[in-house]
Protein backbone atom coordinates (compact mmCIF):
# COMPACT_ATOMS: atom_id res chain seq x y z
CA MET A 1 39.84 47.33 59.59
CA SER A 2 42.90 47.97 61.65
CA ASP A 3 44.04 44.55 62.76
CA THR A 4 44.85 41.44 60.80
CA ALA A 5 42.65 39.31 63.04
CA ALA A 6 39.67 40.89 61.32
CA HIS A 7 40.77 39.30 58.05
CA PRO A 8 40.55 35.52 57.82
CA GLY A 9 43.86 34.25 56.54
CA ALA A 10 45.67 37.52 57.14
CA GLY A 11 47.99 36.21 59.84
CA ALA A 12 50.71 33.86 58.70
CA ILE A 13 51.59 34.32 55.06
CA GLY A 14 49.69 31.95 52.85
CA ASP A 15 47.30 30.66 55.53
CA ALA A 16 44.29 31.83 53.54
CA VAL A 17 45.60 30.38 50.32
CA HIS A 18 46.27 26.89 51.61
CA ARG A 19 43.08 26.53 53.62
CA VAL A 20 41.37 24.88 50.62
CA THR A 21 43.15 22.18 48.63
CA ASP A 22 40.44 21.39 46.09
CA HIS A 23 40.78 23.87 43.24
CA SER A 24 38.17 22.35 40.94
CA LEU A 25 35.86 25.36 41.09
CA THR A 26 38.71 27.69 40.17
CA ARG A 27 39.70 25.43 37.29
CA ASP A 28 36.10 25.32 36.05
CA HIS A 29 35.85 29.11 35.94
CA ILE A 30 39.24 29.48 34.26
CA SER A 31 38.33 26.85 31.68
CA LEU A 32 35.07 28.65 30.94
CA ALA A 33 36.91 31.93 30.44
CA GLN A 34 39.48 30.28 28.17
CA ASP A 35 36.66 28.87 26.05
CA TRP A 36 34.61 32.05 25.71
CA VAL A 37 36.73 35.16 26.44
CA ALA A 38 39.09 36.63 23.83
CA SER A 39 42.69 36.26 24.97
CA ASN A 40 43.70 39.91 25.24
CA TYR A 41 44.80 39.32 28.84
CA SER A 42 46.75 36.58 30.59
CA PRO A 43 45.26 36.59 34.10
CA LEU A 44 46.84 34.97 37.11
CA PRO A 45 45.01 31.76 38.15
CA VAL A 46 42.66 33.29 40.70
CA VAL A 47 38.88 33.77 40.30
CA ILE A 48 37.59 36.57 42.51
CA ALA A 49 33.99 36.46 43.68
CA HIS A 50 33.79 39.00 46.51
CA ALA A 51 35.79 41.91 47.89
CA GLU A 52 35.80 44.51 50.64
CA GLY A 53 38.35 47.16 51.50
CA ALA A 54 41.84 45.92 50.64
CA TRP A 55 40.84 42.25 50.52
CA VAL A 56 39.32 39.96 47.89
CA THR A 57 37.89 36.46 48.21
CA ASP A 58 38.00 33.85 45.48
CA VAL A 59 35.30 31.36 44.48
CA GLU A 60 36.64 28.79 46.96
CA GLY A 61 36.79 31.11 49.96
CA ARG A 62 40.50 31.96 49.91
CA ARG A 63 41.32 35.56 50.78
CA TYR A 64 44.04 37.74 49.24
CA LEU A 65 45.43 41.18 49.93
CA ASP A 66 44.80 43.26 46.81
CA ALA A 67 48.05 45.15 46.20
CA LEU A 68 47.10 46.21 42.67
CA ALA A 69 43.78 48.02 43.28
CA GLY A 70 42.66 47.79 39.68
CA TYR A 71 45.65 49.83 38.44
CA SER A 72 44.50 52.62 40.82
CA ALA A 73 40.82 52.35 39.85
CA LEU A 74 40.22 51.10 43.41
CA ASN A 75 42.10 53.83 45.26
CA PHE A 76 39.37 53.85 47.92
CA GLY A 77 39.22 50.08 48.21
CA HIS A 78 36.52 47.63 47.23
CA LEU A 79 32.93 48.58 48.04
CA HIS A 80 33.73 51.78 49.89
CA PRO A 81 30.51 52.41 51.86
CA THR A 82 30.22 56.08 50.87
CA LEU A 83 30.61 55.28 47.18
CA VAL A 84 28.31 52.26 47.28
CA ALA A 85 25.66 54.37 49.02
CA ALA A 86 25.94 57.05 46.35
CA ALA A 87 25.59 54.48 43.59
CA ARG A 88 22.71 52.64 45.26
CA SER A 89 20.78 55.84 45.86
CA GLN A 90 21.24 56.96 42.28
CA LEU A 91 20.33 53.54 40.86
CA GLU A 92 16.90 53.94 42.40
CA ARG A 93 16.37 57.38 40.86
CA LEU A 94 17.96 57.86 37.44
CA THR A 95 20.84 56.18 35.60
CA LEU A 96 20.91 57.64 32.08
CA THR A 97 19.45 60.54 30.14
CA SER A 98 22.18 61.06 27.51
CA ARG A 99 23.53 64.55 27.08
CA ALA A 100 20.55 65.43 24.91
CA PHE A 101 18.98 66.55 28.19
CA HIS A 102 20.17 67.97 31.49
CA SER A 103 20.38 65.83 34.62
CA ASP A 104 20.41 67.01 38.21
CA ARG A 105 23.74 65.22 38.88
CA LEU A 106 25.97 66.49 36.07
CA GLY A 107 26.40 70.13 37.11
CA PRO A 108 27.24 69.43 40.76
CA PHE A 109 29.77 66.74 39.79
CA CYS A 110 31.55 68.92 37.25
CA ARG A 111 31.55 71.90 39.63
CA ASP A 112 33.13 69.92 42.45
CA LEU A 113 35.74 68.28 40.22
CA ALA A 114 36.66 71.60 38.62
CA VAL A 115 37.10 73.19 42.05
CA LEU A 116 39.24 70.25 43.21
CA ALA A 117 41.51 70.71 40.17
CA GLY A 118 41.46 74.51 40.27
CA LYS A 119 40.06 74.73 36.74
CA ASP A 120 37.00 76.20 35.03
CA LEU A 121 35.42 73.37 33.07
CA VAL A 122 35.02 69.59 33.00
CA LEU A 123 34.30 67.43 29.97
CA PRO A 124 33.12 64.05 31.33
CA MET A 125 33.78 60.83 29.46
CA ASN A 126 33.83 57.14 30.42
CA THR A 127 37.16 55.34 30.03
CA GLY A 128 40.68 56.62 30.45
CA ALA A 129 41.52 56.06 26.80
CA GLU A 130 38.42 58.01 25.79
CA ALA A 131 39.58 60.90 27.98
CA VAL A 132 43.04 60.83 26.38
CA GLU A 133 41.46 60.86 22.91
CA THR A 134 39.35 63.82 24.05
CA ALA A 135 42.46 65.64 25.30
CA ILE A 136 44.15 65.06 21.94
CA LYS A 137 41.14 66.52 20.13
CA THR A 138 41.08 69.42 22.57
CA ALA A 139 44.74 70.23 22.00
CA ARG A 140 44.45 70.06 18.22
CA ARG A 141 41.33 72.22 18.08
CA TRP A 142 42.93 74.72 20.48
CA GLY A 143 46.01 74.75 18.24
CA TYR A 144 43.99 75.64 15.16
CA GLU A 145 41.49 78.05 16.70
CA VAL A 146 43.59 79.75 19.38
CA LYS A 147 47.28 79.31 18.57
CA GLY A 148 46.76 79.66 14.83
CA VAL A 149 48.49 76.50 13.59
CA PRO A 150 47.53 75.76 9.95
CA ASP A 151 44.71 73.22 9.80
CA GLY A 152 45.92 69.63 9.67
CA ARG A 153 49.48 70.51 10.79
CA ALA A 154 49.21 70.25 14.59
CA ARG A 155 51.79 68.10 16.34
CA ILE A 156 51.79 66.68 19.86
CA ILE A 157 54.96 65.65 21.69
CA VAL A 158 54.77 62.38 23.63
CA LEU A 159 57.29 60.59 25.82
CA ALA A 160 59.10 57.30 25.34
CA GLY A 161 57.74 54.53 27.55
CA ASN A 162 54.30 56.13 27.57
CA PHE A 163 51.04 54.31 28.19
CA HIS A 164 47.86 56.26 27.56
CA GLY A 165 45.50 53.50 26.44
CA ARG A 166 45.01 51.14 23.53
CA THR A 167 42.87 52.90 20.93
CA THR A 168 44.19 53.13 17.38
CA THR A 169 45.34 56.73 17.76
CA ILE A 170 47.00 56.14 21.13
CA ILE A 171 48.93 53.02 20.14
CA SER A 172 50.17 54.96 17.10
CA PHE A 173 52.58 56.83 19.39
CA SER A 174 53.36 53.92 21.71
CA ASP A 175 56.87 52.45 21.63
CA ASP A 176 55.67 49.17 23.17
CA PRO A 177 55.73 46.59 20.35
CA LEU A 178 53.18 44.39 22.11
CA ALA A 179 50.62 47.21 22.16
CA ARG A 180 51.47 48.63 18.72
CA GLU A 181 52.38 45.91 16.23
CA HIS A 182 49.91 44.79 13.53
CA TYR A 183 47.45 47.65 14.06
CA GLY A 184 48.63 50.00 11.32
CA PRO A 185 48.26 52.21 9.41
CA TYR A 186 49.06 54.51 12.29
CA THR A 187 47.75 57.98 13.11
CA PRO A 188 50.31 60.72 12.32
CA GLY A 189 50.99 63.93 14.20
CA PHE A 190 53.06 62.79 17.18
CA ASP A 191 56.74 63.28 18.07
CA LEU A 192 58.38 60.87 20.53
CA VAL A 193 61.15 62.10 22.83
CA PRO A 194 62.91 60.51 25.84
CA PHE A 195 61.08 60.72 29.17
CA GLY A 196 62.78 63.08 31.61
CA ASP A 197 65.05 64.77 29.03
CA ILE A 198 64.19 68.49 28.93
CA ASP A 199 66.78 69.28 26.25
CA ALA A 200 65.33 66.69 23.87
CA LEU A 201 61.86 68.00 24.59
CA GLU A 202 62.81 71.59 23.86
CA ALA A 203 64.53 70.57 20.62
CA ALA A 204 61.35 68.84 19.47
CA VAL A 205 59.08 71.88 19.93
CA THR A 206 58.19 73.73 16.72
CA ASP A 207 55.68 76.43 15.81
CA GLU A 208 53.26 73.60 14.94
CA THR A 209 53.52 71.93 18.36
CA VAL A 210 50.21 72.29 20.20
CA ALA A 211 50.78 70.10 23.27
CA VAL A 212 53.08 67.95 25.34
CA LEU A 213 51.22 64.87 26.56
CA LEU A 214 52.87 63.19 29.53
CA GLU A 215 52.38 61.00 32.56
CA PRO A 216 53.91 62.74 35.60
CA ILE A 217 54.95 59.24 36.68
CA GLN A 218 54.84 56.44 34.12
CA GLY A 219 52.78 53.62 35.60
CA GLU A 220 52.69 50.88 32.99
CA ALA A 221 56.41 51.39 32.35
CA GLY A 222 57.12 50.36 35.95
CA VAL A 223 56.37 53.44 38.08
CA ILE A 224 59.11 55.45 36.40
CA VAL A 225 59.73 58.74 38.20
CA PRO A 226 61.25 61.62 36.18
CA PRO A 227 64.29 63.57 37.42
CA GLN A 228 63.55 66.11 40.14
CA GLY A 229 62.53 69.40 38.56
CA TRP A 230 61.66 67.96 35.15
CA LEU A 231 57.95 68.67 35.47
CA ARG A 232 58.70 72.27 36.45
CA ASP A 233 60.99 72.58 33.45
CA VAL A 234 58.26 71.20 31.17
CA ARG A 235 55.79 73.70 32.62
CA GLU A 236 58.17 76.62 32.00
CA LEU A 237 58.97 75.46 28.46
CA THR A 238 55.34 74.94 27.45
CA ARG A 239 54.35 78.37 28.77
CA ARG A 240 57.24 80.04 26.96
CA ARG A 241 56.48 78.33 23.64
CA ASN A 242 52.67 78.65 23.87
CA VAL A 243 52.15 74.89 24.05
CA LEU A 244 49.60 73.07 26.22
CA MET A 245 50.90 70.87 29.02
CA VAL A 246 48.59 67.85 29.21
CA ALA A 247 49.01 65.64 32.30
CA ASP A 248 47.61 62.13 32.08
CA GLU A 249 46.84 61.52 35.75
CA ILE A 250 44.60 58.53 35.11
CA GLN A 251 46.79 56.24 37.23
CA SER A 252 48.83 58.75 39.21
CA GLY A 253 46.05 61.13 40.23
CA LEU A 254 43.34 61.30 42.87
CA GLY A 255 45.46 60.55 45.92
CA ARG A 256 47.71 57.73 44.74
CA THR A 257 51.03 59.56 45.15
CA GLY A 258 50.17 61.19 48.49
CA THR A 259 48.92 64.34 46.77
CA THR A 260 45.68 64.98 44.91
CA PHE A 261 47.62 64.95 41.63
CA ALA A 262 51.15 63.72 40.97
CA CYS A 263 51.92 67.14 39.44
CA ASP A 264 51.40 68.56 42.94
CA LEU A 265 54.64 66.85 43.99
CA GLU A 266 56.50 69.61 42.12
CA GLY A 267 53.92 72.36 42.54
CA VAL A 268 53.03 72.19 38.85
CA VAL A 269 49.60 72.94 37.40
CA PRO A 270 49.18 71.68 33.80
CA ASP A 271 46.81 73.21 31.27
CA ILE A 272 44.82 69.98 31.05
CA TYR A 273 44.27 67.18 33.55
CA VAL A 274 43.21 63.82 32.12
CA LEU A 275 41.49 61.78 34.82
CA GLY A 276 39.89 58.36 35.09
CA LYS A 277 40.16 55.06 36.97
CA ALA A 278 39.70 56.12 40.64
CA LEU A 279 37.19 58.77 39.55
CA GLY A 280 34.66 55.95 39.19
CA GLY A 281 35.39 54.55 42.65
CA GLY A 282 35.78 51.03 41.26
CA ILE A 283 32.02 51.01 40.61
CA VAL A 284 31.45 52.57 37.18
CA PRO A 285 33.80 53.82 34.44
CA VAL A 286 34.18 57.59 34.82
CA SER A 287 36.79 59.79 33.17
CA ALA A 288 37.18 63.49 32.52
CA VAL A 289 39.21 66.19 30.86
CA VAL A 290 39.57 69.21 33.16
CA ALA A 291 40.88 72.58 31.97
CA ASP A 292 40.20 76.29 31.92
CA ARG A 293 37.63 77.93 29.67
CA GLY A 294 40.30 79.19 27.28
CA VAL A 295 41.13 75.57 26.44
CA LEU A 296 37.95 73.50 26.79
CA GLY A 297 35.88 76.40 25.52
CA VAL A 298 36.89 75.50 21.95
CA PHE A 299 34.18 72.82 21.84
CA THR A 300 30.76 73.71 20.50
CA PRO A 301 27.56 71.62 20.50
CA GLY A 302 27.99 68.62 18.24
CA SER A 303 31.79 68.93 17.93
CA HIS A 304 32.39 66.20 20.50
CA GLY A 305 30.23 63.94 22.61
CA SER A 306 29.56 60.65 24.35
CA THR A 307 26.27 58.84 24.95
CA PHE A 308 27.23 57.73 28.45
CA GLY A 309 29.69 60.50 29.30
CA GLY A 310 28.50 62.33 32.40
CA ASN A 311 25.51 60.04 32.93
CA PRO A 312 23.71 60.53 36.27
CA LEU A 313 25.02 57.33 37.85
CA ALA A 314 28.62 58.14 36.90
CA ALA A 315 28.20 61.73 38.05
CA ALA A 316 26.81 60.64 41.43
CA VAL A 317 29.74 58.30 42.06
CA GLY A 318 32.28 60.79 40.72
CA GLN A 319 30.97 63.53 42.98
CA ALA A 320 31.22 61.19 45.97
CA VAL A 321 34.83 60.40 45.02
CA VAL A 322 35.64 64.11 44.90
CA GLY A 323 33.99 64.46 48.32
CA LEU A 324 36.37 61.86 49.76
CA LEU A 325 39.39 63.66 48.31
CA VAL A 326 38.38 67.11 49.53
CA THR A 327 39.03 66.06 53.13
CA GLY A 328 42.69 65.28 52.38
CA GLU A 329 42.42 62.08 54.44
CA TYR A 330 43.30 59.74 51.60
CA GLN A 331 46.22 61.81 50.39
CA GLN A 332 47.58 61.74 53.95
CA ARG A 333 47.04 57.98 54.19
CA ALA A 334 48.95 57.48 50.94
CA ARG A 335 51.83 59.52 52.32
CA SER A 336 52.04 57.81 55.71
CA MET A 337 51.51 54.26 54.45
CA GLY A 338 53.82 55.05 51.52
CA VAL A 339 56.67 55.84 53.91
CA LEU A 340 56.21 52.43 55.50
CA LEU A 341 56.02 50.70 52.12
CA GLU A 342 59.11 52.40 50.72
CA SER A 343 61.14 51.79 53.88
CA GLY A 344 60.32 48.08 53.82
CA LEU A 345 61.04 47.75 50.12
CA ARG A 346 64.41 49.46 50.44
CA GLU A 347 65.44 46.92 53.07
CA LEU A 348 65.16 44.32 50.30
CA LEU A 349 67.65 46.09 48.02
CA GLY A 350 70.57 43.78 47.39
CA HIS A 351 68.54 40.83 48.66
CA GLY A 352 66.80 39.93 45.43
CA VAL A 353 65.60 43.46 44.62
CA ASP A 354 67.67 45.55 42.21
CA ALA A 355 65.74 48.85 42.37
CA VAL A 356 62.75 50.48 44.06
CA ARG A 357 60.80 53.51 42.82
CA CYS A 358 58.09 54.73 45.17
CA ARG A 359 55.76 57.72 45.38
CA GLY A 360 53.02 57.50 47.97
CA LEU A 361 51.33 54.10 47.84
CA TRP A 362 52.71 53.34 44.40
CA ALA A 363 55.90 51.41 43.79
CA GLY A 364 57.82 49.77 41.01
CA VAL A 365 60.08 46.95 42.22
CA ASP A 366 62.75 45.48 39.97
CA ILE A 367 63.37 41.86 40.95
CA ASP A 368 66.80 40.42 40.17
CA PRO A 369 66.14 38.85 36.74
CA GLN A 370 68.46 35.97 37.61
CA LEU A 371 65.99 34.96 40.32
CA MET A 372 62.70 35.16 38.41
CA THR A 373 60.57 37.16 36.01
CA GLY A 374 57.95 39.61 37.18
CA ARG A 375 55.27 37.13 36.13
CA GLU A 376 56.87 34.42 38.26
CA ALA A 377 57.09 36.82 41.21
CA SER A 378 53.40 37.70 40.80
CA GLN A 379 52.47 34.01 40.71
CA ARG A 380 54.49 33.24 43.84
CA LEU A 381 53.02 36.20 45.70
CA LEU A 382 49.57 34.93 44.73
CA GLU A 383 50.46 31.65 46.41
CA ARG A 384 51.34 33.68 49.52
CA GLY A 385 48.01 35.50 49.54
CA VAL A 386 49.01 38.80 47.87
CA LEU A 387 47.87 40.03 44.45
CA VAL A 388 50.23 42.17 42.35
CA LYS A 389 50.93 42.61 38.63
CA ASP A 390 54.15 42.36 36.66
CA THR A 391 55.23 44.69 33.88
CA HIS A 392 58.22 44.59 31.55
CA GLY A 393 60.47 41.67 32.45
CA SER A 394 61.28 41.35 36.14
CA THR A 395 59.40 44.43 37.40
CA ILE A 396 56.30 44.24 39.58
CA ARG A 397 53.96 47.10 40.44
CA LEU A 398 52.52 47.64 43.88
CA ALA A 399 49.46 49.87 44.33
CA PRO A 400 47.43 48.81 47.37
CA PRO A 401 44.20 50.73 48.03
CA LEU A 402 44.60 53.92 50.02
CA VAL A 403 42.47 52.37 52.77
CA VAL A 404 45.21 49.81 53.49
CA GLU A 405 46.29 49.60 57.12
CA GLU A 406 49.81 49.41 58.53
CA ALA A 407 49.41 45.71 59.37
CA GLU A 408 48.37 45.02 55.79
CA VAL A 409 51.40 46.83 54.36
CA GLU A 410 53.48 44.63 56.67
CA ILE A 411 51.74 41.53 55.24
CA LEU A 412 52.69 42.66 51.73
CA LEU A 413 56.31 43.30 52.70
CA ALA A 414 56.56 40.00 54.59
CA ALA A 415 55.20 38.07 51.62
CA LEU A 416 57.70 39.69 49.25
CA GLY A 417 60.57 39.09 51.67
CA ASP A 418 59.53 35.47 52.14
CA LEU A 419 59.37 35.02 48.38
CA LEU A 420 62.89 36.38 47.87
CA ARG A 421 64.35 34.28 50.69
CA ALA A 422 62.73 31.18 49.23
């Protein structure tokens, strides 16, 4: 929708939020969740019941602009008609066979995704963390069978501030105490170096190094962008030292940064793409490891697998997502709307905002910590009809769906400006 009049409550900031004063239904749902759901999250006090495009509606009819988009899982917005149609059609035909048999959806999906990435093979999985674990296994097996590293000695270099998931192996190389503490003993085999420091990275490479695992832009850390040219330097170093470059594009990929992959911003092609989130269109969990035959060809039947990985429903949705990206429309939208977003955010510098980092429709905004925490900013934006998420102190992340319109970006900017003036 192109004009705010089409969205109830999208005119004056907060109109939609304050239309209902009785919050008993919201409180009931929150109380139920507090009683029965394990407390591994601390959600904002909103209970969403319906969504479409860039907008969500809570259980009491209040509407909010979704400026988080499921951490990029909803790049194409809520209930994108093409993706819903693909899912609905497949639901009526076939949803699961397991990989013990072929399905008519798996080959076409993997072909289209491989072509999009310019690679030979796709190994489909379900969640992003599962894809990262698969990439780690791929790199180690490649190191032993192709590079010739002695068995059990492979090492993988990772970057400070990383976020690749929350499995036991992944949190073993996290430097976030909240994600890591009290889950040991930890998995060995990883070397942590500063993000964006090519000299430190080169010093860490040894003959036993099989891969460098990185996020081209670190999302959970606050949309941290590396120095210009760093990705190209990493690509040159890994080629020279016969080390795999593994790009975790789970959050940054599939249109978010204004390019198909964030690595495209520097013209870099890694050895392995790790994909997820938006690949499932916000409908089903879909992830994948994408690489050439010389890398993914190390797997043999029985050496890795997943009951639901590449299931027909996931493949149907994933193929439809690839179809949307092939047109280039969503990458272009991320670029054009991203210019508007970044321009508006930079006008707030020195007026309650200390720093802005923006690539496409993805921004990290550092609020002056003397004004409020990121959690407080998220809460106050919620009260103004905009949903965002904080990370690390006074930083908030903005990632509206790529279907967002200019008027909706203006609503987001106006809400943030109003918050800071207040």
